[in-house]
Amino acid sequence: MDILAAKINIFDTIFSPTAQGIAPLNFVICLLVSIALGFALAFLYTYKTRYTKSFFITLSILPAVVCVVIMMVNGQIGAGIAVAGAFSLVRFRSAPGTAKEIVAIFLAMGTGLILGMGYIAYAVIFAIVLSVVMMILTAVFAGKNAHDRAKTLKITIPEDLNYSMVFEPVLKEYASTFELVNVKTTNLGSLFKLTYNLTLKDANTEKALIDELRVRNGNLEVSIMQQEAANLEL
């Protein structure tokens, strides 16, 4: 059925089950809608969320890729098995993503899958509803400007200092969450360098935190910086 046919139901697939192929106009429409929804999903994902450029680009293009793949294998069992085998050879060659990133990828893939079957209205509704729900949950649980308060703290200490309990009271006072992620020796083993990932309760308390840490580490080097994007990249 041509998409320009009269009395079409917007919730029906635009592909005719008896057609031998996909009409060029229908193909272009699904491709353009998938690209538009991909960009919308990517922009909505950035709401109060730290992200990388590569992940933003991936999320924007993924619905279009899935849409085209589904359109090409629709109704062809052999082609579907071949595509499944090809995708099984592909994996992400980087650090595991966060749970929210994984949900965003599945959301983009689901949108592309629905569009690939020709259900444009259902794809739009699915993308909008799930994106709004994700934004609401992010606003409720992430807190205001949480990504600006995510910091990496590095503390240099003498080798004879028991660091396990020295800094915990200070970090509990200034940070809502903190985690020791790396310990290494430096200066021929006479010093230790501790690396923490933490989320400050107040972004304006950095100096006060550093001052208290300097008292406890013998006034050795203390640095605090924005949490590295590489740690968050998918």
Protein backbone atom coordinates (compact mmCIF):
# COMPACT_ATOMS: atom_id res chain seq x y z
CA MET A 1 0.00 0.00 0.00
CA ASP A 2 1.43 3.38 -0.93
CA ILE A 3 1.77 5.83 1.90
CA LEU A 4 -0.17 8.38 -0.14
CA ALA A 5 -3.20 6.13 -0.44
CA ALA A 6 -6.47 7.50 0.91
CA LYS A 7 -7.95 6.55 4.28
CA ILE A 8 -4.67 5.18 5.62
CA ASN A 9 -4.51 4.35 9.33
CA ILE A 10 -1.42 5.97 10.91
CA PHE A 11 -1.05 2.99 13.26
CA ASP A 12 -0.81 0.48 10.37
CA THR A 13 2.49 -0.46 8.80
CA ILE A 14 3.25 1.44 5.61
CA PHE A 15 4.66 -1.71 4.00
CA SER A 16 2.31 -3.94 2.04
CA PRO A 17 2.58 -7.62 3.04
CA THR A 18 2.08 -8.63 -0.59
CA ALA A 19 4.64 -6.27 -2.09
CA GLN A 20 7.81 -7.71 -3.66
CA GLY A 21 9.97 -4.90 -2.30
CA ILE A 22 9.96 -1.62 -0.42
CA ALA A 23 8.80 1.49 -2.25
CA PRO A 24 11.58 4.13 -2.42
CA LEU A 25 9.27 6.76 -0.91
CA ASN A 26 8.45 4.54 2.07
CA PHE A 27 12.15 3.75 2.54
CA VAL A 28 13.09 7.43 2.58
CA ILE A 29 10.27 8.31 4.98
CA CYS A 30 11.30 5.63 7.49
CA LEU A 31 14.96 6.59 7.18
CA LEU A 32 14.31 10.30 7.76
CA VAL A 33 11.99 9.63 10.71
CA SER A 34 14.55 7.30 12.29
CA ILE A 35 17.28 9.93 11.95
CA ALA A 36 15.03 12.60 13.46
CA LEU A 37 14.07 10.34 16.38
CA GLY A 38 17.73 9.39 16.85
CA PHE A 39 18.75 13.02 17.28
CA ALA A 40 15.78 13.62 19.60
CA LEU A 41 16.75 10.63 21.76
CA ALA A 42 20.38 11.79 21.89
CA PHE A 43 19.43 15.32 22.96
CA LEU A 44 17.00 14.04 25.58
CA TYR A 45 19.65 11.67 26.94
CA THR A 46 21.98 14.62 27.66
CA TYR A 47 19.49 16.05 30.17
CA LYS A 48 21.43 16.23 33.48
CA THR A 49 23.72 13.46 32.25
CA ARG A 50 27.43 13.47 31.46
CA TYR A 51 28.13 12.11 28.00
CA THR A 52 30.81 11.85 25.35
CA LYS A 53 30.66 13.05 21.75
CA SER A 54 31.10 9.51 20.44
CA PHE A 55 28.15 8.23 22.48
CA PHE A 56 25.97 11.15 21.33
CA ILE A 57 26.78 10.37 17.68
CA THR A 58 26.18 6.65 18.21
CA LEU A 59 22.79 7.24 19.81
CA SER A 60 21.80 9.59 16.98
CA ILE A 61 22.64 7.15 14.18
CA LEU A 62 21.70 3.82 15.80
CA PRO A 63 17.90 3.98 15.11
CA ALA A 64 18.56 4.61 11.40
CA VAL A 65 21.00 1.68 11.18
CA VAL A 66 18.61 -0.74 12.89
CA CYS A 67 15.70 0.56 10.81
CA VAL A 68 17.48 -0.11 7.51
CA VAL A 69 18.65 -3.57 8.62
CA ILE A 70 15.12 -4.58 9.64
CA MET A 71 13.65 -3.26 6.37
CA MET A 72 16.18 -5.21 4.31
CA VAL A 73 15.60 -8.56 6.08
CA ASN A 74 11.85 -8.19 6.62
CA GLY A 75 10.25 -11.50 5.66
CA GLN A 76 13.54 -13.10 4.55
CA ILE A 77 14.54 -15.81 7.01
CA GLY A 78 17.89 -16.54 5.40
CA ALA A 79 18.93 -12.88 5.37
CA GLY A 80 17.79 -12.48 8.96
CA ILE A 81 19.98 -15.39 10.11
CA ALA A 82 22.95 -13.96 8.19
CA VAL A 83 22.52 -10.54 9.78
CA ALA A 84 22.20 -12.08 13.25
CA GLY A 85 25.45 -13.95 12.68
CA ALA A 86 27.20 -10.78 11.50
CA PHE A 87 26.04 -8.79 14.53
CA SER A 88 27.24 -11.57 16.84
CA LEU A 89 30.79 -10.85 15.64
CA VAL A 90 30.57 -7.19 16.69
CA ARG A 91 31.23 -6.08 20.24
CA PHE A 92 32.08 -2.85 22.03
CA ARG A 93 35.87 -2.61 22.33
CA SER A 94 35.87 -0.23 25.31
CA ALA A 95 34.93 0.00 28.96
CA PRO A 96 31.45 -1.22 29.95
CA GLY A 97 28.84 1.50 29.95
CA THR A 98 26.58 2.60 32.75
CA ALA A 99 23.11 1.15 33.17
CA LYS A 100 21.59 4.35 31.78
CA GLU A 101 23.73 4.16 28.65
CA ILE A 102 22.65 0.57 28.06
CA VAL A 103 18.98 1.56 28.44
CA ALA A 104 19.49 4.43 25.98
CA ILE A 105 21.02 2.05 23.43
CA PHE A 106 18.14 -0.41 23.76
CA LEU A 107 15.68 2.48 23.44
CA ALA A 108 17.35 3.60 20.21
CA MET A 109 17.43 0.04 18.88
CA GLY A 110 13.77 -0.51 19.76
CA THR A 111 12.80 2.70 17.97
CA GLY A 112 14.72 1.65 14.87
CA LEU A 113 13.19 -1.83 14.94
CA ILE A 114 9.63 -0.47 15.07
CA LEU A 115 10.39 1.95 12.23
CA GLY A 116 11.97 -0.84 10.20
CA MET A 117 8.65 -2.68 10.35
CA GLY A 118 6.88 0.42 9.05
CA TYR A 119 5.00 1.46 12.21
CA ILE A 120 5.94 5.14 12.25
CA ALA A 121 3.28 6.30 14.72
CA TYR A 122 4.11 3.55 17.22
CA ALA A 123 7.83 4.38 16.94
CA VAL A 124 7.21 8.06 17.67
CA ILE A 125 4.97 7.26 20.66
CA PHE A 126 7.46 4.71 22.00
CA ALA A 127 10.41 7.10 21.73
CA ILE A 128 8.57 10.06 23.26
CA VAL A 129 7.01 8.20 26.19
CA LEU A 130 10.20 6.35 27.18
CA SER A 131 12.33 9.48 26.81
CA VAL A 132 9.99 11.52 29.01
CA VAL A 133 9.99 8.77 31.65
CA MET A 134 13.81 8.67 31.59
CA MET A 135 14.01 12.47 31.95
CA ILE A 136 11.61 12.45 34.91
CA LEU A 137 13.55 9.71 36.69
CA THR A 138 16.83 11.51 36.00
CA ALA A 139 15.45 14.75 37.44
CA VAL A 140 14.19 12.96 40.55
CA PHE A 141 17.22 10.84 41.35
CA ALA A 142 20.19 12.66 39.82
CA GLY A 143 19.68 15.92 41.66
CA LYS A 144 20.42 19.41 40.40
CA ASN A 145 23.66 19.68 38.42
CA ALA A 146 24.87 16.30 39.69
CA HIS A 147 27.23 15.96 36.72
CA ASP A 148 29.00 19.21 37.73
CA ARG A 149 29.67 17.79 41.21
CA ALA A 150 31.27 14.57 39.97
CA LYS A 151 34.99 14.97 40.74
CA THR A 152 38.24 13.03 40.73
CA LEU A 153 40.33 13.63 43.86
CA LYS A 154 44.04 12.80 44.05
CA ILE A 155 45.88 12.85 47.38
CA THR A 156 49.61 12.35 47.98
CA ILE A 157 50.50 10.84 51.37
CA PRO A 158 53.68 9.60 53.10
CA GLU A 159 54.26 5.87 52.98
CA ASP A 160 53.78 5.40 56.74
CA LEU A 161 50.29 6.96 56.82
CA ASN A 162 47.39 4.50 57.22
CA TYR A 163 45.09 5.99 54.59
CA SER A 164 42.22 3.54 55.08
CA MET A 165 40.52 5.55 57.84
CA VAL A 166 42.27 8.94 57.81
CA PHE A 167 40.32 10.60 55.00
CA GLU A 168 36.94 8.86 55.34
CA PRO A 169 35.46 11.29 57.93
CA VAL A 170 36.38 14.30 55.77
CA LEU A 171 35.00 12.75 52.59
CA LYS A 172 31.75 11.81 54.33
CA GLU A 173 31.35 15.44 55.39
CA TYR A 174 31.83 16.96 51.93
CA ALA A 175 30.78 14.20 49.49
CA SER A 176 27.51 12.36 49.06
CA THR A 177 29.34 9.39 47.51
CA PHE A 178 33.02 8.51 47.24
CA GLU A 179 35.11 5.53 46.16
CA LEU A 180 38.83 4.78 46.27
CA VAL A 181 39.62 3.66 42.71
CA ASN A 182 43.41 3.65 42.56
CA VAL A 183 46.45 3.48 44.86
CA LYS A 184 50.02 3.69 43.58
CA THR A 185 53.50 4.42 44.91
CA THR A 186 55.65 7.32 43.73
CA ASN A 187 59.01 8.96 44.48
CA LEU A 188 60.77 5.58 44.76
CA GLY A 189 58.12 4.24 47.11
CA SER A 190 58.41 7.00 49.71
CA LEU A 191 54.99 8.40 48.81
CA PHE A 192 51.56 7.03 47.91
CA LYS A 193 49.05 8.58 45.53
CA LEU A 194 45.36 7.90 46.19
CA THR A 195 42.66 8.50 43.57
CA TYR A 196 39.00 8.88 44.57
CA ASN A 197 35.89 9.31 42.46
CA LEU A 198 33.35 11.34 44.42
CA THR A 199 30.24 13.48 44.15
CA LEU A 200 30.35 16.68 46.17
CA LYS A 201 27.34 17.71 48.21
CA ASP A 202 28.04 21.33 47.26
CA ALA A 203 30.19 22.33 44.27
CA ASN A 204 31.39 25.42 46.17
CA THR A 205 33.15 23.48 48.94
CA GLU A 206 36.19 22.36 46.95
CA LYS A 207 38.64 24.69 48.75
CA ALA A 208 37.37 23.75 52.20
CA LEU A 209 37.75 20.06 51.33
CA ILE A 210 41.30 20.55 50.07
CA ASP A 211 42.26 22.54 53.20
CA GLU A 212 41.07 19.77 55.51
CA LEU A 213 42.82 17.09 53.47
CA ARG A 214 46.12 19.02 53.57
CA VAL A 215 46.01 18.98 57.36
CA ARG A 216 45.76 15.19 57.33
CA ASN A 217 48.32 14.38 54.60
CA GLY A 218 51.16 16.55 55.90
CA ASN A 219 50.51 19.40 53.44
CA LEU A 220 51.52 17.24 50.46
CA GLU A 221 49.95 17.58 47.03
CA VAL A 222 46.13 17.45 46.77
CA SER A 223 44.30 17.95 43.46
CA ILE A 224 40.64 17.86 42.50
CA MET A 225 39.28 17.95 38.97
CA GLN A 226 36.21 17.19 36.89
CA GLN A 227 35.72 13.44 36.66
CA GLU A 228 37.39 12.13 33.54
CA ALA A 229 35.00 11.55 30.64
CA ALA A 230 37.03 8.51 29.64
CA ASN A 231 35.83 6.70 32.76
CA LEU A 232 32.24 7.18 31.63
CA GLU A 233 32.63 6.36 27.94
CA LEU A 234 30.85 3.34 26.59
